[in-house]
């Protein structure tokens, strides 16, 4: 069992990511950046660092399939087969990682 420890900044960014996920478990850095830079005191370098940290924790990975856009795919199934968001909170993310890693 793996415990997922997140910093306050990571939780802020992850929450925005969960609120911005598309049906294919995909998120777009540009969309996340627009929200984070508008709603927080993060600068772009802080956001890139936090995003990289979340990627290193295997929460998502860069999607090479979408050319020309910085898209990432969650490494856990946010959406169910009906394209409904199932893992939609930080607690559910932590629970998924504890049960599946």
N, C-alpha and C. Protein backbone atom coordinates (compact mmCIF):
# COMPACT_ATOMS: atom_id res chain seq x y z
N UNK A 1 0.85 -1.18 0.00
CA UNK A 1 0.00 0.00 0.00
C UNK A 1 0.89 1.23 0.00
N UNK A 2 0.62 2.14 -0.90
CA UNK A 2 1.39 3.38 -1.04
C UNK A 2 0.53 4.55 -0.59
N UNK A 3 1.11 5.38 0.24
CA UNK A 3 0.43 6.59 0.67
C UNK A 3 0.86 7.73 -0.25
N UNK A 4 -0.07 8.46 -0.75
CA UNK A 4 0.20 9.60 -1.62
C UNK A 4 0.24 10.86 -0.76
N UNK A 5 1.42 11.44 -0.62
CA UNK A 5 1.58 12.68 0.13
C UNK A 5 1.67 13.84 -0.85
N UNK A 6 0.85 14.84 -0.64
CA UNK A 6 0.82 16.00 -1.52
C UNK A 6 1.06 17.28 -0.72
N UNK A 7 1.80 18.21 -1.33
CA UNK A 7 1.98 19.51 -0.71
C UNK A 7 0.72 20.34 -0.95
N UNK A 8 0.62 21.47 -0.28
CA UNK A 8 -0.53 22.35 -0.46
C UNK A 8 -0.62 22.82 -1.92
N UNK A 9 0.52 23.18 -2.50
CA UNK A 9 0.53 23.63 -3.90
C UNK A 9 0.11 22.50 -4.83
N UNK A 10 0.57 21.29 -4.57
CA UNK A 10 0.18 20.15 -5.40
C UNK A 10 -1.32 19.92 -5.32
N UNK A 11 -1.88 20.05 -4.13
CA UNK A 11 -3.33 19.86 -3.98
C UNK A 11 -4.11 20.92 -4.76
N UNK A 12 -3.62 22.15 -4.74
CA UNK A 12 -4.30 23.23 -5.48
C UNK A 12 -4.31 22.91 -6.97
N UNK A 13 -3.15 22.55 -7.50
CA UNK A 13 -3.05 22.26 -8.93
C UNK A 13 -3.85 21.00 -9.28
N UNK A 14 -3.76 19.96 -8.46
CA UNK A 14 -4.49 18.73 -8.73
C UNK A 14 -6.00 18.97 -8.73
N UNK A 15 -6.48 19.79 -7.83
CA UNK A 15 -7.91 20.11 -7.78
C UNK A 15 -8.36 20.78 -9.09
N UNK A 16 -7.56 21.71 -9.58
CA UNK A 16 -7.90 22.36 -10.86
C UNK A 16 -7.86 21.34 -11.99
N UNK A 17 -6.87 20.45 -11.96
CA UNK A 17 -6.78 19.40 -12.98
C UNK A 17 -8.02 18.51 -12.97
N UNK A 18 -8.46 18.10 -11.79
CA UNK A 18 -9.64 17.25 -11.68
C UNK A 18 -10.88 17.97 -12.20
N UNK A 19 -10.94 19.27 -12.00
CA UNK A 19 -12.08 20.05 -12.48
C UNK A 19 -12.02 20.33 -13.98
N UNK A 20 -10.87 20.05 -14.59
CA UNK A 20 -10.66 20.37 -16.00
C UNK A 20 -10.50 19.14 -16.89
N UNK A 21 -10.70 17.96 -16.33
CA UNK A 21 -10.43 16.72 -17.09
C UNK A 21 -11.46 16.52 -18.20
N UNK A 22 -10.98 16.01 -19.34
CA UNK A 22 -11.84 15.67 -20.48
C UNK A 22 -12.20 14.20 -20.40
N UNK A 23 -13.12 13.78 -21.28
CA UNK A 23 -13.62 12.39 -21.22
C UNK A 23 -12.53 11.35 -21.31
N UNK A 24 -11.44 11.62 -21.96
CA UNK A 24 -10.38 10.63 -22.15
C UNK A 24 -9.33 10.69 -21.05
N UNK A 25 -9.70 11.23 -19.90
CA UNK A 25 -8.78 11.40 -18.77
C UNK A 25 -7.64 12.36 -19.11
N UNK A 26 -7.88 13.24 -20.07
CA UNK A 26 -6.86 14.17 -20.55
C UNK A 26 -7.04 15.54 -19.93
N UNK A 27 -5.92 16.17 -19.62
CA UNK A 27 -5.91 17.56 -19.17
C UNK A 27 -4.94 18.33 -20.05
N UNK A 28 -5.17 19.62 -20.18
CA UNK A 28 -4.33 20.46 -21.03
C UNK A 28 -3.64 21.52 -20.17
N UNK A 29 -2.32 21.54 -20.24
CA UNK A 29 -1.54 22.45 -19.41
C UNK A 29 -1.99 23.90 -19.60
N UNK A 30 -2.26 24.30 -20.83
CA UNK A 30 -2.66 25.68 -21.11
C UNK A 30 -3.92 26.06 -20.33
N UNK A 31 -4.90 25.17 -20.31
CA UNK A 31 -6.14 25.44 -19.57
C UNK A 31 -5.89 25.52 -18.06
N UNK A 32 -5.05 24.60 -17.57
CA UNK A 32 -4.73 24.59 -16.14
C UNK A 32 -4.00 25.88 -15.78
N UNK A 33 -3.05 26.27 -16.62
CA UNK A 33 -2.26 27.48 -16.37
C UNK A 33 -3.15 28.72 -16.31
N UNK A 34 -4.11 28.82 -17.20
CA UNK A 34 -5.01 29.98 -17.21
C UNK A 34 -5.73 30.12 -15.88
N UNK A 35 -6.23 29.02 -15.34
CA UNK A 35 -6.96 29.06 -14.08
C UNK A 35 -6.02 29.34 -12.91
N UNK A 36 -4.92 28.60 -12.84
CA UNK A 36 -3.99 28.73 -11.72
C UNK A 36 -3.38 30.13 -11.67
N UNK A 37 -2.93 30.64 -12.80
CA UNK A 37 -2.29 31.95 -12.82
C UNK A 37 -3.27 33.07 -12.51
N UNK A 38 -4.53 32.86 -12.83
CA UNK A 38 -5.56 33.87 -12.53
C UNK A 38 -6.00 33.81 -11.07
N UNK A 39 -6.13 32.60 -10.53
CA UNK A 39 -6.75 32.42 -9.21
C UNK A 39 -5.78 32.27 -8.05
N UNK A 40 -4.48 32.17 -8.31
CA UNK A 40 -3.51 31.99 -7.23
C UNK A 40 -2.37 32.99 -7.39
N UNK A 41 -1.45 32.96 -6.45
CA UNK A 41 -0.27 33.81 -6.56
C UNK A 41 0.90 33.07 -7.20
N UNK A 42 0.64 31.93 -7.86
CA UNK A 42 1.68 31.17 -8.54
C UNK A 42 2.15 31.95 -9.77
N UNK A 43 3.44 31.84 -10.08
CA UNK A 43 3.91 32.31 -11.39
C UNK A 43 4.08 31.07 -12.27
N UNK A 44 4.43 31.28 -13.52
CA UNK A 44 4.48 30.15 -14.45
C UNK A 44 5.56 29.15 -14.06
N UNK A 45 6.67 29.61 -13.50
CA UNK A 45 7.73 28.68 -13.09
C UNK A 45 7.30 27.83 -11.90
N UNK A 46 6.57 28.43 -10.97
CA UNK A 46 6.03 27.66 -9.84
C UNK A 46 5.08 26.59 -10.34
N UNK A 47 4.19 26.98 -11.25
CA UNK A 47 3.23 26.03 -11.80
C UNK A 47 3.93 24.89 -12.52
N UNK A 48 4.93 25.21 -13.33
CA UNK A 48 5.67 24.16 -14.04
C UNK A 48 6.33 23.21 -13.06
N UNK A 49 6.89 23.76 -11.97
CA UNK A 49 7.53 22.92 -10.97
C UNK A 49 6.55 21.99 -10.27
N UNK A 50 5.40 22.53 -9.90
CA UNK A 50 4.37 21.71 -9.24
C UNK A 50 3.84 20.67 -10.21
N UNK A 51 3.61 21.05 -11.45
CA UNK A 51 3.13 20.11 -12.46
C UNK A 51 4.13 18.98 -12.63
N UNK A 52 5.40 19.33 -12.70
CA UNK A 52 6.45 18.32 -12.83
C UNK A 52 6.49 17.39 -11.63
N UNK A 53 6.28 17.94 -10.45
CA UNK A 53 6.27 17.14 -9.23
C UNK A 53 5.12 16.14 -9.25
N UNK A 54 3.95 16.58 -9.69
CA UNK A 54 2.79 15.68 -9.79
C UNK A 54 3.03 14.60 -10.83
N UNK A 55 3.71 14.96 -11.90
CA UNK A 55 4.04 13.98 -12.94
C UNK A 55 5.01 12.94 -12.39
N UNK A 56 5.99 13.37 -11.60
CA UNK A 56 6.95 12.44 -11.00
C UNK A 56 6.28 11.49 -10.00
N UNK A 57 5.18 11.93 -9.42
CA UNK A 57 4.43 11.08 -8.49
C UNK A 57 3.49 10.16 -9.25
N UNK A 58 3.61 10.15 -10.57
CA UNK A 58 2.83 9.27 -11.45
C UNK A 58 1.33 9.54 -11.41
N UNK A 59 0.94 10.79 -11.19
CA UNK A 59 -0.48 11.12 -11.24
C UNK A 59 -0.95 11.29 -12.68
N UNK A 60 -0.06 11.72 -13.55
CA UNK A 60 -0.35 11.80 -14.97
C UNK A 60 0.95 11.78 -15.74
N UNK A 61 0.84 11.60 -17.05
CA UNK A 61 2.02 11.57 -17.91
C UNK A 61 1.74 12.37 -19.17
N UNK A 62 2.82 12.84 -19.78
CA UNK A 62 2.72 13.61 -21.01
C UNK A 62 2.11 12.75 -22.10
N UNK A 63 1.17 13.32 -22.84
CA UNK A 63 0.50 12.59 -23.92
C UNK A 63 1.14 12.98 -25.25
N UNK A 64 1.92 12.10 -25.81
CA UNK A 64 2.61 12.37 -27.06
C UNK A 64 1.70 12.24 -28.27
N UNK A 65 0.49 11.77 -28.06
CA UNK A 65 -0.46 11.58 -29.16
C UNK A 65 -1.02 12.90 -29.67
N UNK A 66 -1.11 13.90 -28.80
CA UNK A 66 -1.69 15.18 -29.18
C UNK A 66 -0.55 16.12 -29.55
N UNK A 67 -0.35 16.30 -30.82
CA UNK A 67 0.77 17.10 -31.31
C UNK A 67 0.47 18.59 -31.17
N UNK A 68 1.46 19.34 -30.72
CA UNK A 68 1.34 20.79 -30.66
C UNK A 68 0.62 21.30 -29.42
N UNK A 69 0.20 20.45 -28.55
CA UNK A 69 -0.48 20.91 -27.33
C UNK A 69 0.13 20.17 -26.16
N UNK A 70 0.30 20.85 -25.06
CA UNK A 70 0.84 20.21 -23.87
C UNK A 70 -0.29 19.50 -23.14
N UNK A 71 -0.59 18.30 -23.60
CA UNK A 71 -1.66 17.53 -22.96
C UNK A 71 -1.06 16.41 -22.13
N UNK A 72 -1.76 16.08 -21.08
CA UNK A 72 -1.35 15.04 -20.16
C UNK A 72 -2.54 14.12 -19.92
N UNK A 73 -2.25 12.87 -19.59
CA UNK A 73 -3.30 11.90 -19.32
C UNK A 73 -3.13 11.42 -17.89
N UNK A 74 -4.21 11.42 -17.12
CA UNK A 74 -4.15 10.90 -15.76
C UNK A 74 -3.77 9.44 -15.79
N UNK A 75 -3.01 9.00 -14.81
CA UNK A 75 -2.59 7.60 -14.73
C UNK A 75 -3.56 6.78 -13.90
N UNK A 76 -4.71 7.33 -13.63
CA UNK A 76 -5.77 6.60 -12.95
C UNK A 76 -7.07 6.95 -13.66
N UNK A 77 -8.07 6.10 -13.58
CA UNK A 77 -9.30 6.32 -14.34
C UNK A 77 -10.23 7.34 -13.67
N UNK A 78 -10.08 8.60 -14.05
CA UNK A 78 -10.98 9.63 -13.51
C UNK A 78 -12.42 9.40 -13.95
N UNK A 79 -12.55 9.01 -15.22
CA UNK A 79 -13.87 8.87 -15.81
C UNK A 79 -14.26 7.40 -15.90
N UNK A 80 -15.55 7.14 -15.77
CA UNK A 80 -16.02 5.76 -15.95
C UNK A 80 -16.41 5.55 -17.41
N UNK A 81 -16.96 4.38 -17.70
CA UNK A 81 -17.31 4.06 -19.09
C UNK A 81 -18.44 4.93 -19.64
N UNK A 82 -19.11 5.67 -18.78
CA UNK A 82 -20.19 6.56 -19.21
C UNK A 82 -19.72 8.01 -19.29
N UNK A 83 -18.39 8.21 -19.27
CA UNK A 83 -17.79 9.55 -19.29
C UNK A 83 -18.26 10.42 -18.14
N UNK A 84 -18.47 9.76 -17.00
CA UNK A 84 -18.83 10.49 -15.78
C UNK A 84 -17.62 10.50 -14.87
N UNK A 85 -17.37 11.64 -14.26
CA UNK A 85 -16.23 11.79 -13.37
C UNK A 85 -16.47 10.97 -12.10
N UNK A 86 -15.57 10.03 -11.84
CA UNK A 86 -15.68 9.20 -10.64
C UNK A 86 -14.67 9.61 -9.58
N UNK A 87 -13.43 9.78 -9.99
CA UNK A 87 -12.40 10.22 -9.05
C UNK A 87 -12.30 11.73 -9.22
N UNK A 88 -13.01 12.44 -8.36
CA UNK A 88 -13.17 13.88 -8.55
C UNK A 88 -12.74 14.72 -7.36
N UNK A 89 -12.10 14.09 -6.38
CA UNK A 89 -11.61 14.83 -5.22
C UNK A 89 -10.20 14.34 -4.87
N UNK A 90 -9.49 15.14 -4.12
CA UNK A 90 -8.14 14.78 -3.67
C UNK A 90 -8.22 13.50 -2.84
N UNK A 91 -9.21 13.40 -1.98
CA UNK A 91 -9.34 12.21 -1.13
C UNK A 91 -9.55 10.94 -1.96
N UNK A 92 -10.34 11.03 -3.01
CA UNK A 92 -10.55 9.87 -3.87
C UNK A 92 -9.28 9.50 -4.62
N UNK A 93 -8.48 10.49 -5.00
CA UNK A 93 -7.19 10.21 -5.65
C UNK A 93 -6.29 9.47 -4.67
N UNK A 94 -6.20 9.97 -3.44
CA UNK A 94 -5.36 9.32 -2.43
C UNK A 94 -5.84 7.91 -2.15
N UNK A 95 -7.14 7.72 -2.04
CA UNK A 95 -7.70 6.39 -1.79
C UNK A 95 -7.37 5.45 -2.95
N UNK A 96 -7.50 5.93 -4.18
CA UNK A 96 -7.18 5.09 -5.33
C UNK A 96 -5.72 4.64 -5.28
N UNK A 97 -4.81 5.57 -4.98
CA UNK A 97 -3.39 5.22 -4.94
C UNK A 97 -3.08 4.26 -3.81
N UNK A 98 -3.73 4.42 -2.68
CA UNK A 98 -3.50 3.49 -1.57
C UNK A 98 -3.99 2.08 -1.91
N UNK A 99 -5.08 1.98 -2.62
CA UNK A 99 -5.65 0.68 -2.95
C UNK A 99 -4.98 0.01 -4.15
N UNK A 100 -4.35 0.79 -5.03
CA UNK A 100 -3.86 0.24 -6.29
C UNK A 100 -2.35 0.31 -6.48
N UNK A 101 -1.62 0.76 -5.50
CA UNK A 101 -0.16 0.82 -5.63
C UNK A 101 0.52 0.14 -4.47
